[in-house]
């Protein structure tokens, strides 16, 4: 039980540190829907997130 609580706390802290603006929050929501609803492989999500990050960086 303690390991489950530790994983929950670490997940919460990582989420708070990573989701800092509207782009990261929207990307996380889209990725969550894709992985749980459409069963997309997480490797494709990592690749897509990287491409979105590069495009966002180039557009700024």
C-alpha atoms as a PDB file:
ATOM      1  CA  UNK A   1       0.000   0.000   0.000  1.00  0.00           C
ATOM      2  CA  UNK A   2       2.840   2.376   0.761  1.00  0.00           C
ATOM      3  CA  UNK A   3       4.284   1.977  -2.737  1.00  0.00           C
ATOM      4  CA  UNK A   4       0.933   2.943  -4.286  1.00  0.00           C
ATOM      5  CA  UNK A   5       0.794   6.067  -2.142  1.00  0.00           C
ATOM      6  CA  UNK A   6       4.365   6.945  -3.066  1.00  0.00           C
ATOM      7  CA  UNK A   7       3.594   6.559  -6.788  1.00  0.00           C
ATOM      8  CA  UNK A   8       0.511   8.766  -6.433  1.00  0.00           C
ATOM      9  CA  UNK A   9       2.474  11.543  -4.705  1.00  0.00           C
ATOM     10  CA  UNK A  10       5.302  11.427  -7.239  1.00  0.00           C
ATOM     11  CA  UNK A  11       2.800  11.488 -10.117  1.00  0.00           C
ATOM     12  CA  UNK A  12       1.086  14.515  -8.577  1.00  0.00           C
ATOM     13  CA  UNK A  13       4.394  16.363  -8.137  1.00  0.00           C
ATOM     14  CA  UNK A  14       5.565  15.592 -11.678  1.00  0.00           C
ATOM     15  CA  UNK A  15       2.226  16.720 -13.078  1.00  0.00           C
ATOM     16  CA  UNK A  16       2.391  20.013 -11.210  1.00  0.00           C
ATOM     17  CA  UNK A  17       5.936  20.614 -12.459  1.00  0.00           C
ATOM     18  CA  UNK A  18       5.227  19.642 -16.082  1.00  0.00           C
ATOM     19  CA  UNK A  19       1.821  21.231 -16.692  1.00  0.00           C
ATOM     20  CA  UNK A  20       2.732  24.900 -16.557  1.00  0.00           C
ATOM     21  CA  UNK A  21       0.935  26.493 -19.502  1.00  0.00           C
ATOM     22  CA  UNK A  22      -2.070  25.961 -21.745  1.00  0.00           C
ATOM     23  CA  UNK A  23      -0.031  24.133 -24.396  1.00  0.00           C
ATOM     24  CA  UNK A  24       1.284  21.486 -22.027  1.00  0.00           C
ATOM     25  CA  UNK A  25      -2.118  20.995 -20.396  1.00  0.00           C
ATOM     26  CA  UNK A  26      -3.872  20.626 -23.757  1.00  0.00           C
ATOM     27  CA  UNK A  27      -1.197  18.225 -25.006  1.00  0.00           C
ATOM     28  CA  UNK A  28      -1.608  16.128 -21.860  1.00  0.00           C
ATOM     29  CA  UNK A  29      -5.393  16.014 -22.267  1.00  0.00           C
ATOM     30  CA  UNK A  30      -5.143  15.007 -25.939  1.00  0.00           C
ATOM     31  CA  UNK A  31      -2.535  12.346 -25.144  1.00  0.00           C
ATOM     32  CA  UNK A  32      -4.668  10.952 -22.315  1.00  0.00           C
ATOM     33  CA  UNK A  33      -7.699  10.687 -24.586  1.00  0.00           C
ATOM     34  CA  UNK A  34      -5.668   9.061 -27.353  1.00  0.00           C
ATOM     35  CA  UNK A  35      -4.022   6.478 -25.126  1.00  0.00           C
ATOM     36  CA  UNK A  36      -7.104   5.448 -23.150  1.00  0.00           C
ATOM     37  CA  UNK A  37      -9.889   5.934 -25.686  1.00  0.00           C
ATOM     38  CA  UNK A  38      -8.241   4.981 -28.977  1.00  0.00           C
ATOM     39  CA  UNK A  39      -5.504   2.712 -27.573  1.00  0.00           C
ATOM     40  CA  UNK A  40      -2.725   4.526 -29.452  1.00  0.00           C
ATOM     41  CA  UNK A  41       0.756   3.167 -28.730  1.00  0.00           C
ATOM     42  CA  UNK A  42       2.575   5.421 -26.267  1.00  0.00           C
ATOM     43  CA  UNK A  43       5.629   5.530 -28.546  1.00  0.00           C
ATOM     44  CA  UNK A  44       3.582   7.428 -31.130  1.00  0.00           C
ATOM     45  CA  UNK A  45       2.438   9.818 -28.414  1.00  0.00           C
ATOM     46  CA  UNK A  46       6.036  10.534 -27.425  1.00  0.00           C
ATOM     47  CA  UNK A  47       6.946  11.172 -31.066  1.00  0.00           C
ATOM     48  CA  UNK A  48       3.896  13.397 -31.581  1.00  0.00           C
ATOM     49  CA  UNK A  49       4.574  15.332 -28.385  1.00  0.00           C
ATOM     50  CA  UNK A  50       8.145  15.925 -29.479  1.00  0.00           C
ATOM     51  CA  UNK A  51       7.006  17.196 -32.864  1.00  0.00           C
ATOM     52  CA  UNK A  52       4.461  19.506 -31.255  1.00  0.00           C
ATOM     53  CA  UNK A  53       7.159  20.794 -28.894  1.00  0.00           C
ATOM     54  CA  UNK A  54       9.564  21.517 -31.746  1.00  0.00           C
ATOM     55  CA  UNK A  55       6.800  23.249 -33.750  1.00  0.00           C
ATOM     56  CA  UNK A  56       5.813  25.365 -30.721  1.00  0.00           C
ATOM     57  CA  UNK A  57       9.428  26.337 -30.170  1.00  0.00           C
ATOM     58  CA  UNK A  58       9.890  27.346 -33.784  1.00  0.00           C
ATOM     59  CA  UNK A  59       6.688  29.402 -33.810  1.00  0.00           C
ATOM     60  CA  UNK A  60       7.659  31.459 -30.737  1.00  0.00           C
END
